[in-house]
């Protein structure tokens, strides 16, 4: 997965990773990476990128979320308690 320009990001409220550059004013003053999604309101007055800490400005890049660490692993594939001792 590579970072892509924000203009190419999905606008369907799917969660993605967002990159925010350093900004001396705002919640991510040092810049950072956070999960977010694009929110579209029916009246188009509040459209924009949202995160779990709210709307924090305009990200410059995005990336799909990675698969969870145990994606595709079933219970039977995991070590039993006996093999862990």
Protein backbone atom coordinates (compact mmCIF):
# COMPACT_ATOMS: atom_id res chain seq x y z
CA UNK A 1 0.00 0.00 0.00
CA UNK A 2 1.24 3.46 -0.84
CA UNK A 3 0.06 6.90 0.14
CA UNK A 4 -2.20 8.46 -2.48
CA UNK A 5 -3.28 12.08 -3.00
CA UNK A 6 -6.39 12.93 -0.97
CA UNK A 7 -8.26 13.84 -4.18
CA UNK A 8 -8.33 10.12 -5.04
CA UNK A 9 -9.78 8.98 -1.69
CA UNK A 10 -13.17 7.27 -1.49
CA UNK A 11 -16.06 9.53 -0.53
CA UNK A 12 -18.41 6.76 0.64
CA UNK A 13 -17.77 7.01 4.42
CA UNK A 14 -15.37 4.04 4.29
CA UNK A 15 -12.64 4.26 6.93
CA UNK A 16 -9.13 4.94 5.62
CA UNK A 17 -5.82 6.15 7.03
CA UNK A 18 -5.37 9.90 6.66
CA UNK A 19 -2.10 11.83 6.70
CA UNK A 20 -2.06 15.35 8.10
CA UNK A 21 1.09 17.46 7.63
CA UNK A 22 2.50 19.45 10.55
CA UNK A 23 0.38 22.49 11.34
CA UNK A 24 1.28 24.85 14.20
CA UNK A 25 -2.43 25.39 14.88
CA UNK A 26 -4.88 22.56 15.44
CA UNK A 27 -5.30 19.16 17.06
CA UNK A 28 -2.46 17.53 15.10
CA UNK A 29 0.07 20.34 15.42
CA UNK A 30 2.95 17.92 14.80
CA UNK A 31 1.18 16.23 11.93
CA UNK A 32 0.25 12.60 11.97
CA UNK A 33 -1.67 9.61 10.73
CA UNK A 34 -5.18 8.85 11.95
CA UNK A 35 -8.14 6.77 10.83
CA UNK A 36 -10.91 8.81 9.25
CA UNK A 37 -13.73 8.89 6.72
CA UNK A 38 -15.41 11.38 4.43
CA UNK A 39 -18.72 12.65 5.76
CA UNK A 40 -21.38 13.94 3.38
CA UNK A 41 -24.37 15.75 4.78
CA UNK A 42 -27.65 15.97 2.86
CA UNK A 43 -27.35 19.76 2.75
CA UNK A 44 -23.64 19.67 1.80
CA UNK A 45 -22.81 22.26 4.47
CA UNK A 46 -20.74 20.00 6.70
CA UNK A 47 -19.05 17.79 4.11
CA UNK A 48 -15.47 16.90 4.88
CA UNK A 49 -13.04 14.54 6.56
CA UNK A 50 -13.91 13.28 10.04
CA UNK A 51 -11.87 11.32 12.59
CA UNK A 52 -12.53 9.91 16.03
CA UNK A 53 -11.35 13.25 17.45
CA UNK A 54 -13.58 15.26 15.12
CA UNK A 55 -12.87 17.31 12.06
CA UNK A 56 -9.20 18.35 12.23
CA UNK A 57 -8.61 20.04 8.92
CA UNK A 58 -7.69 18.81 5.49
CA UNK A 59 -5.50 15.73 5.08
CA UNK A 60 -3.12 15.67 2.13
CA UNK A 61 -2.89 11.90 1.54
CA UNK A 62 -4.75 8.69 2.28
CA UNK A 63 -4.18 4.94 2.32
CA UNK A 64 -6.54 1.96 2.70
CA UNK A 65 -6.65 0.42 6.15
CA UNK A 66 -4.40 -2.63 6.42
CA UNK A 67 -5.86 -6.05 7.10
CA UNK A 68 -6.13 -6.95 10.79
CA UNK A 69 -3.11 -8.85 12.14
CA UNK A 70 -5.01 -12.15 12.36
CA UNK A 71 -6.95 -11.89 9.11
CA UNK A 72 -7.59 -15.35 7.72
CA UNK A 73 -6.48 -17.15 10.89
CA UNK A 74 -9.04 -19.51 12.36
CA UNK A 75 -9.26 -20.68 15.94
CA UNK A 76 -7.80 -24.06 14.97
CA UNK A 77 -4.73 -22.31 13.47
CA UNK A 78 -3.86 -20.64 16.77
CA UNK A 79 -1.60 -22.37 19.30
CA UNK A 80 -3.46 -24.12 22.10
CA UNK A 81 -2.84 -23.32 25.76
CA UNK A 82 -0.88 -26.57 26.01
CA UNK A 83 1.61 -25.57 23.31
CA UNK A 84 2.06 -22.16 24.91
CA UNK A 85 3.42 -23.69 28.16
